[in-house]
Amino acid sequence: MKLRSLITSFLALAGLALVHCSSLADQCSKAAPTPGVTCDNEGLQCPYSIDQPNCDGTSTTIATSCFCTEAAWSCPAPVDPVDCPPATDDGGGGDDAAAE
């Protein structure tokens, strides 16, 4: 009898957790977090992605989160790459007239 009660309680809690998670997903999809834009659900955390620039001119998409803090979305920003090697001569010639 106690086992049945324990299982029933566990299933009820699992159901509430699923409803809560889907509710947060709905809130995040409606909120569409944008850095600095106002939000009304203090403490809400929603998925967000940034395109982080690389030294070679490409970028990498990084999954992160935004937080609703003090009525505005607070989201991380991309950081300029550091310690990139200096540009090298590609061997394409360029301004050959100046070398003559």
Protein backbone atom coordinates (compact mmCIF):
# COMPACT_ATOMS: atom_id res chain seq x y z
CA MET A 1 0.00 0.00 0.00
CA LYS A 2 2.81 2.43 0.86
CA LEU A 3 4.56 1.59 -2.40
CA ARG A 4 1.45 2.46 -4.43
CA SER A 5 1.15 5.77 -2.56
CA LEU A 6 4.82 6.53 -3.17
CA ILE A 7 4.52 5.76 -6.89
CA THR A 8 1.38 7.87 -7.18
CA SER A 9 3.11 10.80 -5.48
CA PHE A 10 6.15 10.46 -7.73
CA LEU A 11 4.02 10.43 -10.89
CA ALA A 12 2.10 13.49 -9.72
CA LEU A 13 5.34 15.40 -9.12
CA ALA A 14 6.72 14.30 -12.49
CA GLY A 15 3.55 15.57 -14.15
CA LEU A 16 3.85 18.93 -12.43
CA ALA A 17 7.48 19.20 -13.52
CA LEU A 18 6.50 18.55 -17.14
CA VAL A 19 3.76 21.18 -17.01
CA HIS A 20 6.20 23.68 -15.45
CA CYS A 21 8.86 23.00 -18.11
CA SER A 22 6.41 23.34 -20.98
CA SER A 23 5.09 26.53 -19.39
CA LEU A 24 8.62 27.97 -19.30
CA ALA A 25 9.18 26.93 -22.92
CA ASP A 26 5.97 28.74 -23.87
CA GLN A 27 7.03 31.83 -21.96
CA CYS A 28 10.44 31.83 -23.65
CA SER A 29 8.99 31.40 -27.13
CA LYS A 30 6.58 34.28 -26.53
CA ALA A 31 9.26 36.45 -24.91
CA ALA A 32 11.83 36.07 -27.72
CA PRO A 33 14.71 37.43 -25.61
CA THR A 34 16.55 40.37 -27.13
CA PRO A 35 19.36 42.02 -25.15
CA GLY A 36 18.18 45.18 -23.39
CA VAL A 37 14.52 44.81 -24.39
CA THR A 38 11.98 44.90 -21.56
CA CYS A 39 10.62 41.70 -20.03
CA ASP A 40 7.99 41.10 -17.39
CA ASN A 41 8.82 37.73 -15.84
CA GLU A 42 11.63 38.50 -13.39
CA GLY A 43 14.11 35.64 -13.09
CA LEU A 44 13.01 33.89 -16.29
CA GLN A 45 15.91 32.20 -18.07
CA CYS A 46 15.52 31.47 -21.78
CA PRO A 47 17.79 29.89 -24.38
CA TYR A 48 19.75 32.27 -26.57
CA SER A 49 22.56 31.84 -29.06
CA ILE A 50 25.33 34.18 -30.13
CA ASP A 51 27.57 34.11 -33.18
CA GLN A 52 31.11 34.29 -31.84
CA PRO A 53 33.58 35.67 -34.44
CA ASN A 54 36.72 33.65 -35.12
CA CYS A 55 40.15 34.85 -36.26
CA ASP A 56 39.62 33.50 -39.78
CA GLY A 57 36.53 35.64 -40.37
CA THR A 58 34.04 32.84 -39.75
CA SER A 59 31.87 32.58 -36.68
CA THR A 60 30.78 29.85 -34.29
CA THR A 61 27.25 29.71 -32.88
CA ILE A 62 27.30 29.30 -29.10
CA ALA A 63 24.20 28.23 -27.18
CA THR A 64 23.73 30.23 -23.98
CA SER A 65 20.91 31.88 -22.00
CA CYS A 66 19.34 35.26 -21.37
CA PHE A 67 17.88 36.26 -18.01
CA CYS A 68 15.02 38.62 -17.28
CA THR A 69 16.67 40.89 -14.72
CA GLU A 70 15.34 44.22 -13.49
CA ALA A 71 12.66 44.21 -16.22
CA ALA A 72 15.15 43.86 -19.11
CA TRP A 73 16.74 40.94 -20.92
CA SER A 74 20.35 40.43 -19.93
CA CYS A 75 22.18 38.36 -22.55
CA PRO A 76 25.86 37.67 -23.21
CA ALA A 77 27.47 39.42 -26.15
CA PRO A 78 30.06 38.07 -28.56
CA VAL A 79 33.65 38.90 -27.73
CA ASP A 80 36.17 39.99 -30.34
CA PRO A 81 38.72 37.25 -30.92
CA VAL A 82 42.07 37.83 -29.25
CA ASP A 83 45.56 36.61 -30.03
CA CYS A 84 44.80 36.22 -33.71
CA PRO A 85 47.90 35.76 -35.84
CA PRO A 86 48.76 38.76 -38.01
CA ALA A 87 47.52 38.70 -41.58
CA THR A 88 50.05 37.15 -43.94
CA ASP A 89 50.83 37.75 -47.59
CA ASP A 90 48.67 35.37 -49.57
CA GLY A 91 51.16 35.28 -52.44
CA GLY A 92 48.61 36.85 -54.72
CA GLY A 93 50.80 39.74 -55.67
CA GLY A 94 48.80 42.78 -54.73
CA ASP A 95 50.47 46.08 -55.65
CA ASP A 96 53.45 44.72 -57.62
CA ALA A 97 54.01 48.07 -59.39
CA ALA A 98 55.24 49.65 -56.15
CA ALA A 99 57.99 47.03 -55.84
CA GLU A 100 59.55 47.81 -59.28
